[in-house]
Amino acid sequence: MPATERVVELLTAAAEAAHDKKAENVLAFDVSEQLAITDAFLVASASNDRQVRAIVDAIEEKLRVDFDAKPVRREGAREGRWVLLDYLEVVIHVQHDEERNFYSLERLWRDCPLIPIPGPDGKIPEPTPVPVRSGEEDLPSLGSDEAAVAEDAADAEATSREAQVAAPTAPAE
C-alpha cells in the first residue's frame, strides 16, 4: 500500500523544516511494502553535529505545531551524529555526513520507491539513481526478502560460531 496522504504531508513538512536549516540530500522512501512498523523513511544529512541537532529541533517543532505530532521515540540526539525520530508512520533519520556515507541507508533501501518531496527551492527534483559500491552489484538490498533470509542465516551462523568458541573444553586427563 503506497504512502497515505498524511504520511506525504508529514514528510513534506519535515523536509521543509530540514531544508530551512540547510539539510543536504533529503530523501523520502516508501517502505510500507517491506516493513510493518512504519510507512516511510525521511533521510537528511548535515556537515556537523550542531547542524544535525538544529535540523532535528526544526523538524520536531514543525511537526508539533502543524500536525500536533510528537515522536514516540527519539534516539541519538545527545551525540548529534545520527538522530532518529520515530513518529510511527514516519521515521526520520538525520545523519552527520560521515554516518550518511558509511551506513548509506539509501543504498540499503534502494528497492523501495522514492516519495517525491520538494527540494529547498520548493520544486520536486528528478530522482537520481543510488550508486552501488564496488563489489555490491549482485547483493540484494534490505528491501528484498532474500536479503532478510541471508541476514538471518548469517546471524545464526555467527551465533553458532560464538557459542562454539565460548564453550568450555574438557580438561585433558
Foldseek 3Di string as FASTA:
>chain_A
DADDPVRQVLLQQLQQLLVVLPWPDWWKFQLVVQDVQAGMEIETEDADLVSLLSSVVSSQVRCCVVPVFAFPDWPDNVVSAWIWGHRRHYIYIYHHPVCCVVVVVCQQPVVTDIDFYAHNVRHGDDDDHDDDDPPCPPPHHNSDPVNVVVVVVVVVVVVVVVCVVPDDDDDDD
